[in-house]
Amino acid sequence: MTQHDAVMPFTDEYYMQQALAEARRAADENEVPVGAIVVCNNRIIARAHNQTERLNDPTAHAEMLAITAATDALGAKYLTDCVLYVTVEPCVMCAGAIAWAQVGALVYGADDEKRGYRRYAPDALNTATEVRRGMLENACAELMRDFFRKKR
């Protein structure tokens, strides 16, 4: 990689690459490969990946774990000045948590046509939460496809 190929920090692409690294950790642990990070003031304050198998907990989604870690890091229950980056469109449960935490912005990679919040609860997020879809969408979707292809 040359200097010109490097992704500069403080961009959506850079942060989504960090979320993808978390998703790869999940895949390495035989978890559904979803990764999430929370950024506040251009600083990553939380990282997480799915841990439903490890924790034997159906609520241990990357977003839920990242939100919990971020509120702990800030010592506050609201994340209004934060951006949540997640590799796959959040489910309804995670969208509810994003709303309750009042996350300032949500950036996600691949759509989830089967379980995504937009299909079942398109109004679940706060109207103040900015949503940006499709960041590194192909890389995020490919990671999911590869994981499930190997499962079959």
Protein backbone atom coordinates (compact mmCIF):
# COMPACT_ATOMS: atom_id res chain seq x y z
CA MET A 1 0.00 0.00 0.00
CA THR A 2 1.36 3.39 -0.93
CA GLN A 3 0.85 6.55 1.02
CA HIS A 4 -1.80 7.58 -1.53
CA ASP A 5 -3.74 4.33 -1.00
CA ALA A 6 -4.04 4.83 2.74
CA VAL A 7 -7.41 6.00 4.01
CA MET A 8 -7.12 9.15 6.04
CA PRO A 9 -8.45 9.05 9.58
CA PHE A 10 -11.57 11.00 10.52
CA THR A 11 -13.55 9.90 7.47
CA ASP A 12 -16.55 7.59 7.30
CA GLU A 13 -14.51 5.18 5.20
CA TYR A 14 -11.71 5.02 7.77
CA TYR A 15 -14.12 4.36 10.63
CA MET A 16 -16.07 1.77 8.65
CA GLN A 17 -12.80 -0.05 8.00
CA GLN A 18 -12.37 -0.15 11.78
CA ALA A 19 -15.87 -1.62 12.11
CA LEU A 20 -14.99 -4.18 9.42
CA ALA A 21 -11.95 -5.21 11.47
CA GLU A 22 -14.33 -5.91 14.36
CA ALA A 23 -16.61 -7.90 12.03
CA ARG A 24 -13.64 -10.02 10.97
CA ARG A 25 -12.91 -10.72 14.65
CA ALA A 26 -16.48 -11.92 15.01
CA ALA A 27 -16.10 -14.25 12.01
CA ASP A 28 -12.84 -15.59 13.46
CA GLU A 29 -14.81 -16.44 16.64
CA ASN A 30 -17.56 -18.14 14.60
CA GLU A 31 -19.96 -15.28 15.31
CA VAL A 32 -22.09 -13.61 12.65
CA PRO A 33 -19.61 -11.05 11.30
CA VAL A 34 -21.02 -7.71 12.38
CA GLY A 35 -18.75 -5.05 13.80
CA ALA A 36 -19.48 -1.67 15.33
CA ILE A 37 -17.56 1.29 16.63
CA VAL A 38 -18.62 4.52 18.28
CA VAL A 39 -16.80 7.74 17.47
CA CYS A 40 -17.00 10.93 19.51
CA ASN A 41 -15.01 14.04 18.57
CA ASN A 42 -13.01 12.07 15.97
CA ARG A 43 -11.96 9.52 18.59
CA ILE A 44 -13.03 5.89 18.76
CA ILE A 45 -14.51 5.43 22.23
CA ALA A 46 -15.98 1.94 21.79
CA ARG A 47 -15.43 -1.16 19.64
CA ALA A 48 -17.50 -4.30 19.56
CA HIS A 49 -18.53 -7.27 17.47
CA ASN A 50 -21.30 -9.82 17.75
CA GLN A 51 -20.87 -12.10 20.75
CA THR A 52 -24.19 -13.92 20.88
CA GLU A 53 -22.53 -17.35 20.75
CA ARG A 54 -19.75 -16.58 23.20
CA LEU A 55 -22.06 -14.99 25.76
CA ASN A 56 -25.03 -17.27 24.99
CA ASP A 57 -27.06 -14.06 24.76
CA PRO A 58 -29.30 -13.22 21.80
CA THR A 59 -29.03 -9.51 22.65
CA ALA A 60 -25.21 -9.42 22.43
CA HIS A 61 -25.22 -7.72 19.03
CA ALA A 62 -22.28 -5.53 18.05
CA GLU A 63 -24.37 -2.35 18.27
CA MET A 64 -25.71 -3.17 21.73
CA LEU A 65 -22.24 -3.91 23.08
CA ALA A 66 -20.76 -0.80 21.44
CA ILE A 67 -23.49 1.46 22.84
CA THR A 68 -22.96 0.05 26.34
CA ALA A 69 -19.19 0.53 26.09
CA ALA A 70 -19.60 4.07 24.72
CA THR A 71 -22.01 5.21 27.44
CA ASP A 72 -19.64 3.73 30.00
CA ALA A 73 -16.66 5.55 28.43
CA LEU A 74 -18.53 8.85 28.48
CA GLY A 75 -20.22 8.33 31.83
CA ALA A 76 -23.51 9.36 30.23
CA LYS A 77 -26.52 7.56 28.82
CA TYR A 78 -26.89 9.68 25.69
CA LEU A 79 -24.63 9.59 22.64
CA THR A 80 -25.95 12.71 20.89
CA ASP A 81 -22.45 13.85 19.87
CA CYS A 82 -21.42 10.40 18.65
CA VAL A 83 -21.49 8.44 15.42
CA LEU A 84 -22.17 4.70 15.42
CA TYR A 85 -20.55 2.81 12.55
CA VAL A 86 -21.86 -0.69 11.93
CA THR A 87 -21.15 -3.04 9.06
CA VAL A 88 -24.75 -4.19 8.58
CA GLU A 89 -28.07 -2.39 8.92
CA PRO A 90 -29.22 -2.67 12.55
CA CYS A 91 -32.10 -4.92 13.51
CA VAL A 92 -35.21 -3.56 15.23
CA MET A 93 -33.78 -4.28 18.71
CA CYS A 94 -30.58 -2.38 17.94
CA ALA A 95 -32.50 0.46 16.27
CA GLY A 96 -34.46 0.83 19.50
CA ALA A 97 -31.25 1.00 21.52
CA ILE A 98 -29.83 3.55 19.07
CA ALA A 99 -32.96 5.65 19.60
CA TRP A 100 -32.89 5.33 23.39
CA ALA A 101 -29.19 6.29 23.44
CA GLN A 102 -30.00 9.26 21.18
CA VAL A 103 -27.07 8.46 18.88
CA GLY A 104 -26.29 11.53 16.76
CA ALA A 105 -25.55 9.65 13.55
CA LEU A 106 -25.67 6.10 12.26
CA VAL A 107 -23.44 4.99 9.39
CA TYR A 108 -23.85 1.46 8.12
CA GLY A 109 -22.52 -0.65 5.30
CA ALA A 110 -24.77 -3.40 3.92
CA ASP A 111 -28.55 -3.39 4.00
CA ASP A 112 -30.19 -6.30 5.80
CA GLU A 113 -33.22 -7.13 3.68
CA LYS A 114 -34.37 -9.93 6.03
CA ARG A 115 -33.90 -8.44 9.52
CA GLY A 116 -33.08 -4.75 9.08
CA TYR A 117 -35.01 -2.12 11.00
CA ARG A 118 -36.05 -0.28 7.82
CA ARG A 119 -38.23 -3.21 6.80
CA TYR A 120 -40.04 -3.68 10.12
CA ALA A 121 -39.70 -0.39 11.96
CA PRO A 122 -38.58 2.37 9.59
CA ASP A 123 -39.46 5.04 12.16
CA ALA A 124 -37.60 3.38 15.06
CA LEU A 125 -34.73 5.89 15.13
CA ASN A 126 -34.99 9.41 16.50
CA THR A 127 -35.71 11.93 13.78
CA ALA A 128 -32.57 13.76 14.94
CA THR A 129 -30.35 10.75 14.15
CA GLU A 130 -28.64 11.27 10.80
CA VAL A 131 -28.45 8.03 8.79
CA ARG A 132 -25.87 7.35 6.09
CA ARG A 133 -26.22 4.01 4.27
CA GLY A 134 -23.93 2.08 1.98
CA MET A 135 -20.48 2.92 3.38
CA LEU A 136 -18.13 0.19 2.07
CA GLU A 137 -21.31 -1.72 1.29
CA ASN A 138 -19.68 -4.31 -0.97
CA ALA A 139 -16.97 -5.24 1.55
CA CYS A 140 -19.52 -5.47 4.36
CA ALA A 141 -21.94 -7.59 2.31
CA GLU A 142 -19.16 -9.86 1.02
CA LEU A 143 -17.99 -10.62 4.56
CA MET A 144 -21.53 -11.74 5.45
CA ARG A 145 -21.92 -13.79 2.26
CA ASP A 146 -18.57 -15.53 2.81
CA PHE A 147 -19.44 -16.36 6.41
CA PHE A 148 -22.80 -17.93 5.56
CA ARG A 149 -21.41 -19.68 2.46
CA LYS A 150 -18.89 -21.46 4.72
CA LYS A 151 -21.68 -22.41 7.14
CA ARG A 152 -23.64 -24.29 4.48
